[in-house]
PDB file of N, CA and C in Angstrom:
ATOM      1  N   MET A   1       0.831  -1.166   0.000  1.00  0.00           N
ATOM      2  CA  MET A   1       0.000   0.000   0.000  1.00  0.00           C
ATOM      3  C   MET A   1       0.890   1.250   0.000  1.00  0.00           C
ATOM      4  N   PHE A   2       0.452   2.306  -0.658  1.00  0.00           N
ATOM      5  CA  PHE A   2       1.236   3.530  -0.816  1.00  0.00           C
ATOM      6  C   PHE A   2       0.525   4.669  -0.093  1.00  0.00           C
ATOM      7  N   PHE A   3       1.223   5.270   0.880  1.00  0.00           N
ATOM      8  CA  PHE A   3       0.649   6.374   1.651  1.00  0.00           C
ATOM      9  C   PHE A   3       1.375   7.671   1.330  1.00  0.00           C
ATOM     10  N   LEU A   4       0.632   8.731   1.196  1.00  0.00           N
ATOM     11  CA  LEU A   4       1.222  10.041   0.992  1.00  0.00           C
ATOM     12  C   LEU A   4       1.087  10.837   2.288  1.00  0.00           C
ATOM     13  N   ASP A   5       2.197  11.357   2.752  1.00  0.00           N
ATOM     14  CA  ASP A   5       2.158  12.182   3.948  1.00  0.00           C
ATOM     15  C   ASP A   5       3.053  13.406   3.733  1.00  0.00           C
ATOM     16  N   ASP A   6       3.420  14.092   4.785  1.00  0.00           N
ATOM     17  CA  ASP A   6       4.234  15.310   4.667  1.00  0.00           C
ATOM     18  C   ASP A   6       5.651  15.045   4.181  1.00  0.00           C
ATOM     19  N   MET A   7       6.114  13.832   4.300  1.00  0.00           N
ATOM     20  CA  MET A   7       7.482  13.509   3.913  1.00  0.00           C
ATOM     21  C   MET A   7       7.532  12.583   2.699  1.00  0.00           C
ATOM     22  N   ASP A   8       6.664  12.782   1.729  1.00  0.00           N
ATOM     23  CA  ASP A   8       6.712  11.950   0.537  1.00  0.00           C
ATOM     24  C   ASP A   8       7.841  12.409  -0.376  1.00  0.00           C
ATOM     25  N   ILE A   9       8.148  11.637  -1.365  1.00  0.00           N
ATOM     26  CA  ILE A   9       9.297  11.877  -2.249  1.00  0.00           C
ATOM     27  C   ILE A   9       9.128  13.172  -3.049  1.00  0.00           C
ATOM     28  N   PHE A  10       7.909  13.479  -3.437  1.00  0.00           N
ATOM     29  CA  PHE A  10       7.664  14.675  -4.239  1.00  0.00           C
ATOM     30  C   PHE A  10       7.928  15.949  -3.433  1.00  0.00           C
ATOM     31  N   THR A  11       7.507  15.943  -2.196  1.00  0.00           N
ATOM     32  CA  THR A  11       7.752  17.092  -1.319  1.00  0.00           C
ATOM     33  C   THR A  11       9.242  17.242  -1.040  1.00  0.00           C
ATOM     34  N   MET A  12       9.913  16.119  -0.837  1.00  0.00           N
ATOM     35  CA  MET A  12      11.350  16.167  -0.568  1.00  0.00           C
ATOM     36  C   MET A  12      12.119  16.736  -1.762  1.00  0.00           C
ATOM     37  N   VAL A  13      11.763  16.306  -2.968  1.00  0.00           N
ATOM     38  CA  VAL A  13      12.429  16.803  -4.171  1.00  0.00           C
ATOM     39  C   VAL A  13      12.147  18.293  -4.343  1.00  0.00           C
ATOM     40  N   ARG A  14      10.909  18.707  -4.126  1.00  0.00           N
ATOM     41  CA  ARG A  14      10.542  20.121  -4.239  1.00  0.00           C
ATOM     42  C   ARG A  14      11.313  20.961  -3.218  1.00  0.00           C
ATOM     43  N   ASN A  15      11.406  20.458  -2.000  1.00  0.00           N
ATOM     44  CA  ASN A  15      12.138  21.195  -0.965  1.00  0.00           C
ATOM     45  C   ASN A  15      13.640  21.259  -1.256  1.00  0.00           C
ATOM     46  N   LEU A  16      14.200  20.202  -1.804  1.00  0.00           N
ATOM     47  CA  LEU A  16      15.619  20.223  -2.173  1.00  0.00           C
ATOM     48  C   LEU A  16      15.882  21.230  -3.288  1.00  0.00           C
ATOM     49  N   LYS A  17      14.965  21.300  -4.260  1.00  0.00           N
ATOM     50  CA  LYS A  17      15.096  22.272  -5.346  1.00  0.00           C
ATOM     51  C   LYS A  17      14.999  23.694  -4.804  1.00  0.00           C
ATOM     52  N   LYS A  18      14.035  23.919  -3.902  1.00  0.00           N
ATOM     53  CA  LYS A  18      13.860  25.236  -3.304  1.00  0.00           C
ATOM     54  C   LYS A  18      15.103  25.629  -2.497  1.00  0.00           C
ATOM     55  N   ARG A  19      15.659  24.664  -1.783  1.00  0.00           N
ATOM     56  CA  ARG A  19      16.868  24.916  -0.999  1.00  0.00           C
ATOM     57  C   ARG A  19      18.037  25.290  -1.906  1.00  0.00           C
ATOM     58  N   SER A  20      18.163  24.590  -3.008  1.00  0.00           N
ATOM     59  CA  SER A  20      19.230  24.892  -3.968  1.00  0.00           C
ATOM     60  C   SER A  20      19.066  26.301  -4.532  1.00  0.00           C
ATOM     61  N   ASP A  21      17.840  26.664  -4.896  1.00  0.00           N
ATOM     62  CA  ASP A  21      17.571  28.003  -5.424  1.00  0.00           C
ATOM     63  C   ASP A  21      17.887  29.083  -4.387  1.00  0.00           C
ATOM     64  N   LEU A  22      17.497  28.833  -3.145  1.00  0.00           N
ATOM     65  CA  LEU A  22      17.762  29.809  -2.086  1.00  0.00           C
ATOM     66  C   LEU A  22      19.250  29.945  -1.792  1.00  0.00           C
ATOM     67  N   THR A  23      19.984  28.850  -1.906  1.00  0.00           N
ATOM     68  CA  THR A  23      21.429  28.911  -1.705  1.00  0.00           C
ATOM     69  C   THR A  23      22.090  29.754  -2.787  1.00  0.00           C
ATOM     70  N   GLU A  24      21.657  29.582  -4.032  1.00  0.00           N
ATOM     71  CA  GLU A  24      22.188  30.397  -5.128  1.00  0.00           C
ATOM     72  C   GLU A  24      21.844  31.862  -4.921  1.00  0.00           C
ATOM     73  N   GLN A  25      20.625  32.131  -4.490  1.00  0.00           N
ATOM     74  CA  GLN A  25      20.199  33.504  -4.246  1.00  0.00           C
ATOM     75  C   GLN A  25      21.005  34.123  -3.108  1.00  0.00           C
ATOM     76  N   LYS A  26      21.324  33.346  -2.101  1.00  0.00           N
ATOM     77  CA  LYS A  26      22.125  33.830  -0.979  1.00  0.00           C
ATOM     78  C   LYS A  26      23.517  34.237  -1.453  1.00  0.00           C
ATOM     79  N   VAL A  27      24.119  33.436  -2.316  1.00  0.00           N
ATOM     80  CA  VAL A  27      25.450  33.754  -2.839  1.00  0.00           C
ATOM     81  C   VAL A  27      25.405  35.047  -3.652  1.00  0.00           C
ATOM     82  N   GLU A  28      24.388  35.196  -4.507  1.00  0.00           N
ATOM     83  CA  GLU A  28      24.255  36.411  -5.308  1.00  0.00           C
ATOM     84  C   GLU A  28      24.066  37.644  -4.427  1.00  0.00           C
ATOM     85  N   MET A  29      23.227  37.524  -3.422  1.00  0.00           N
ATOM     86  CA  MET A  29      22.985  38.666  -2.523  1.00  0.00           C
ATOM     87  C   MET A  29      24.239  39.008  -1.730  1.00  0.00           C
ATOM     88  N   HIS A  30      24.997  38.003  -1.339  1.00  0.00           N
ATOM     89  CA  HIS A  30      26.241  38.249  -0.605  1.00  0.00           C
ATOM     90  C   HIS A  30      27.225  39.024  -1.484  1.00  0.00           C
ATOM     91  N   GLN A  31      27.309  38.670  -2.757  1.00  0.00           N
ATOM     92  CA  GLN A  31      28.187  39.384  -3.681  1.00  0.00           C
ATOM     93  C   GLN A  31      27.727  40.827  -3.857  1.00  0.00           C
ATOM     94  N   LYS A  32      26.420  41.044  -3.928  1.00  0.00           N
ATOM     95  CA  LYS A  32      25.900  42.403  -4.058  1.00  0.00           C
ATOM     96  C   LYS A  32      26.189  43.228  -2.810  1.00  0.00           C
ATOM     97  N   VAL A  33      26.105  42.604  -1.641  1.00  0.00           N
ATOM     98  CA  VAL A  33      26.400  43.309  -0.397  1.00  0.00           C
ATOM     99  C   VAL A  33      27.867  43.707  -0.356  1.00  0.00           C
ATOM    100  N   ILE A  34      28.742  42.819  -0.774  1.00  0.00           N
ATOM    101  CA  ILE A  34      30.177  43.131  -0.804  1.00  0.00           C
ATOM    102  C   ILE A  34      30.445  44.294  -1.753  1.00  0.00           C
ATOM    103  N   ALA A  35      29.813  44.275  -2.936  1.00  0.00           N
ATOM    104  CA  ALA A  35      29.992  45.355  -3.894  1.00  0.00           C
ATOM    105  C   ALA A  35      29.443  46.672  -3.347  1.00  0.00           C
ATOM    106  N   SER A  36      28.306  46.618  -2.680  1.00  0.00           N
ATOM    107  CA  SER A  36      27.714  47.830  -2.105  1.00  0.00           C
ATOM    108  C   SER A  36      28.586  48.402  -0.995  1.00  0.00           C
ATOM    109  N   ARG A  37      29.155  47.532  -0.180  1.00  0.00           N
ATOM    110  CA  ARG A  37      30.048  48.000   0.878  1.00  0.00           C
ATOM    111  C   ARG A  37      31.291  48.665   0.297  1.00  0.00           C
ATOM    112  N   ALA A  38      31.831  48.085  -0.784  1.00  0.00           N
ATOM    113  CA  ALA A  38      33.005  48.680  -1.422  1.00  0.00           C
ATOM    114  C   ALA A  38      32.660  50.051  -2.004  1.00  0.00           C
ATOM    115  N   THR A  39      31.506  50.160  -2.637  1.00  0.00           N
ATOM    116  CA  THR A  39      31.068  51.441  -3.189  1.00  0.00           C
ATOM    117  C   THR A  39      30.874  52.463  -2.077  1.00  0.00           C
ATOM    118  N   LEU A  40      30.255  52.051  -0.998  1.00  0.00           N
ATOM    119  CA  LEU A  40      30.034  52.942   0.131  1.00  0.00           C
ATOM    120  C   LEU A  40      31.354  53.424   0.725  1.00  0.00           C
ATOM    121  N   LYS A  41      32.313  52.536   0.802  1.00  0.00           N
ATOM    122  CA  LYS A  41      33.631  52.906   1.328  1.00  0.00           C
ATOM    123  C   LYS A  41      34.303  53.939   0.421  1.00  0.00           C
ATOM    124  N   ARG A  42      34.160  53.748  -0.904  1.00  0.00           N
ATOM    125  CA  ARG A  42      34.756  54.701  -1.847  1.00  0.00           C
ATOM    126  C   ARG A  42      34.022  56.036  -1.855  1.00  0.00           C
ATOM    127  N   LEU A  43      32.721  56.030  -1.536  1.00  0.00           N
ATOM    128  CA  LEU A  43      31.941  57.264  -1.553  1.00  0.00           C
ATOM    129  C   LEU A  43      32.358  58.240  -0.456  1.00  0.00           C
ATOM    130  N   LYS A  44      33.135  57.792   0.489  1.00  0.00           N
ATOM    131  CA  LYS A  44      33.609  58.690   1.538  1.00  0.00           C
ATOM    132  C   LYS A  44      34.631  59.685   0.996  1.00  0.00           C
ATOM    133  N   LYS A  45      35.221  59.380  -0.155  1.00  0.00           N
ATOM    134  CA  LYS A  45      36.152  60.293  -0.809  1.00  0.00           C
ATOM    135  C   LYS A  45      35.365  61.227  -1.723  1.00  0.00           C
ATOM    136  N   THR A  46      35.608  62.510  -1.616  1.00  0.00           N
ATOM    137  CA  THR A  46      34.852  63.513  -2.366  1.00  0.00           C
ATOM    138  C   THR A  46      35.008  63.350  -3.874  1.00  0.00           C
ATOM    139  N   GLN A  47      36.215  63.019  -4.322  1.00  0.00           N
ATOM    140  CA  GLN A  47      36.455  62.882  -5.761  1.00  0.00           C
ATOM    141  C   GLN A  47      35.603  61.741  -6.343  1.00  0.00           C
ATOM    142  N   TYR A  48      35.558  60.617  -5.666  1.00  0.00           N
ATOM    143  CA  TYR A  48      34.757  59.504  -6.167  1.00  0.00           C
ATOM    144  C   TYR A  48      33.266  59.796  -6.046  1.00  0.00           C
ATOM    145  N   LEU A  49      32.882  60.538  -5.024  1.00  0.00           N
ATOM    146  CA  LEU A  49      31.474  60.881  -4.828  1.00  0.00           C
ATOM    147  C   LEU A  49      30.937  61.644  -6.036  1.00  0.00           C
ATOM    148  N   GLU A  50      31.694  62.618  -6.517  1.00  0.00           N
ATOM    149  CA  GLU A  50      31.255  63.382  -7.691  1.00  0.00           C
ATOM    150  C   GLU A  50      31.205  62.481  -8.924  1.00  0.00           C
ATOM    151  N   HIS A  51      32.212  61.639  -9.103  1.00  0.00           N
ATOM    152  CA  HIS A  51      32.240  60.723 -10.247  1.00  0.00           C
ATOM    153  C   HIS A  51      31.033  59.780 -10.205  1.00  0.00           C
ATOM    154  N   TYR A  52      30.737  59.233  -9.040  1.00  0.00           N
ATOM    155  CA  TYR A  52      29.601  58.317  -8.888  1.00  0.00           C
ATOM    156  C   TYR A  52      28.281  59.025  -9.190  1.00  0.00           C
ATOM    157  N   ALA A  53      28.131  60.226  -8.668  1.00  0.00           N
ATOM    158  CA  ALA A  53      26.894  60.967  -8.895  1.00  0.00           C
ATOM    159  C   ALA A  53      26.699  61.291 -10.372  1.00  0.00           C
ATOM    160  N   ARG A  54      27.754  61.638 -11.043  1.00  0.00           N
ATOM    161  CA  ARG A  54      27.646  61.989 -12.468  1.00  0.00           C
ATOM    162  C   ARG A  54      27.419  60.758 -13.346  1.00  0.00           C
ATOM    163  N   SER A  55      28.145  59.675 -13.093  1.00  0.00           N
ATOM    164  CA  SER A  55      28.060  58.517 -13.984  1.00  0.00           C
ATOM    165  C   SER A  55      26.860  57.622 -13.683  1.00  0.00           C
ATOM    166  N   THR A  56      26.497  57.464 -12.430  1.00  0.00           N
ATOM    167  CA  THR A  56      25.431  56.539 -12.079  1.00  0.00           C
ATOM    168  C   THR A  56      24.079  57.224 -11.963  1.00  0.00           C
ATOM    169  N   LYS A  57      24.028  58.362 -11.329  1.00  0.00           N
ATOM    170  CA  LYS A  57      22.759  59.040 -11.061  1.00  0.00           C
ATOM    171  C   LYS A  57      22.481  60.207 -12.004  1.00  0.00           C
ATOM    172  N   TYR A  58      23.398  60.463 -12.934  1.00  0.00           N
ATOM    173  CA  TYR A  58      23.254  61.523 -13.938  1.00  0.00           C
ATOM    174  C   TYR A  58      23.057  62.905 -13.309  1.00  0.00           C
ATOM    175  N   PHE A  59      23.758  63.167 -12.217  1.00  0.00           N
ATOM    176  CA  PHE A  59      23.730  64.503 -11.622  1.00  0.00           C
ATOM    177  C   PHE A  59      24.519  65.444 -12.518  1.00  0.00           C
ATOM    178  N   LYS A  60      24.201  66.722 -12.448  1.00  0.00           N
ATOM    179  CA  LYS A  60      24.915  67.707 -13.258  1.00  0.00           C
ATOM    180  C   LYS A  60      25.105  68.972 -12.440  1.00  0.00           C
ATOM    181  N   GLN A  61      26.036  69.784 -12.921  1.00  0.00           N
ATOM    182  CA  GLN A  61      26.225  71.080 -12.291  1.00  0.00           C
ATOM    183  C   GLN A  61      25.197  72.046 -12.868  1.00  0.00           C
ATOM    184  N   VAL A  62      25.077  73.202 -12.261  1.00  0.00           N
ATOM    185  CA  VAL A  62      24.047  74.161 -12.642  1.00  0.00           C
ATOM    186  C   VAL A  62      24.210  74.621 -14.087  1.00  0.00           C
ATOM    187  N   ASP A  63      25.436  74.829 -14.533  1.00  0.00           N
ATOM    188  CA  ASP A  63      25.668  75.427 -15.849  1.00  0.00           C
ATOM    189  C   ASP A  63      25.962  74.408 -16.949  1.00  0.00           C
ATOM    190  N   GLU A  64      25.565  73.164 -16.812  1.00  0.00           N
ATOM    191  CA  GLU A  64      25.839  72.178 -17.854  1.00  0.00           C
ATOM    192  C   GLU A  64      24.616  71.314 -18.120  1.00  0.00           C
ATOM    193  N   GLU A  65      24.599  70.703 -19.290  1.00  0.00           N
ATOM    194  CA  GLU A  65      23.523  69.814 -19.696  1.00  0.00           C
ATOM    195  C   GLU A  65      24.101  68.414 -19.879  1.00  0.00           C
ATOM    196  N   ILE A  66      23.288  67.404 -19.623  1.00  0.00           N
ATOM    197  CA  ILE A  66      23.712  66.015 -19.806  1.00  0.00           C
ATOM    198  C   ILE A  66      22.773  65.362 -20.802  1.00  0.00           C
ATOM    199  N   PHE A  67      23.359  64.699 -21.783  1.00  0.00           N
ATOM    200  CA  PHE A  67      22.596  63.964 -22.767  1.00  0.00           C
ATOM    201  C   PHE A  67      22.991  62.501 -22.657  1.00  0.00           C
ATOM    202  N   VAL A  68      22.035  61.621 -22.430  1.00  0.00           N
ATOM    203  CA  VAL A  68      22.266  60.198 -22.331  1.00  0.00           C
ATOM    204  C   VAL A  68      21.840  59.562 -23.642  1.00  0.00           C
ATOM    205  N   ILE A  69      22.789  58.927 -24.307  1.00  0.00           N
ATOM    206  CA  ILE A  69      22.520  58.312 -25.599  1.00  0.00           C
ATOM    207  C   ILE A  69      22.468  56.796 -25.386  1.00  0.00           C
ATOM    208  N   ILE A  70      21.319  56.211 -25.694  1.00  0.00           N
ATOM    209  CA  ILE A  70      21.130  54.775 -25.519  1.00  0.00           C
ATOM    210  C   ILE A  70      20.984  54.145 -26.900  1.00  0.00           C
ATOM    211  N   PRO A  71      21.826  53.162 -27.227  1.00  0.00           N
ATOM    212  CA  PRO A  71      21.697  52.496 -28.526  1.00  0.00           C
ATOM    213  C   PRO A  71      20.333  51.806 -28.665  1.00  0.00           C
ATOM    214  N   LYS A  72      19.851  51.657 -29.893  1.00  0.00           N
ATOM    215  CA  LYS A  72      18.536  51.075 -30.131  1.00  0.00           C
ATOM    216  C   LYS A  72      18.449  49.626 -29.653  1.00  0.00           C
ATOM    217  N   GLY A  73      19.506  48.856 -29.798  1.00  0.00           N
ATOM    218  CA  GLY A  73      19.479  47.446 -29.434  1.00  0.00           C
ATOM    219  C   GLY A  73      19.590  47.199 -27.947  1.00  0.00           C
ATOM    220  N   ASN A  74      19.884  48.220 -27.157  1.00  0.00           N
ATOM    221  CA  ASN A  74      20.093  48.037 -25.727  1.00  0.00           C
ATOM    222  C   ASN A  74      19.042  48.818 -24.940  1.00  0.00           C
ATOM    223  N   PRO A  75      17.980  48.134 -24.449  1.00  0.00           N
ATOM    224  CA  PRO A  75      16.912  48.856 -23.750  1.00  0.00           C
ATOM    225  C   PRO A  75      17.290  49.254 -22.329  1.00  0.00           C
ATOM    226  N   LYS A  76      18.361  48.685 -21.780  1.00  0.00           N
ATOM    227  CA  LYS A  76      18.769  49.038 -20.411  1.00  0.00           C
ATOM    228  C   LYS A  76      19.413  50.397 -20.380  1.00  0.00           C
ATOM    229  N   ARG A  77      19.387  51.017 -19.188  1.00  0.00           N
ATOM    230  CA  ARG A  77      20.048  52.312 -19.013  1.00  0.00           C
ATOM    231  C   ARG A  77      21.481  52.104 -18.781  1.00  0.00           C
TER     232      ARG A  77
END
């Protein structure tokens, strides 16, 4: 006779897959945290702060204009 309960093979396989996915996500998030910490550490320097603001956030000075040119094949900013 075959009984299905909370610990059947299908649930175990699903949980193992979910665990694997979460482990991969944890590694990716850890890498992002390391990168963010490095960026934050560099932002304490005034020279890098201006560079970061101009290149990433498109900040500008009062007397200048910024034009962002995006190629047609690349929809990302």
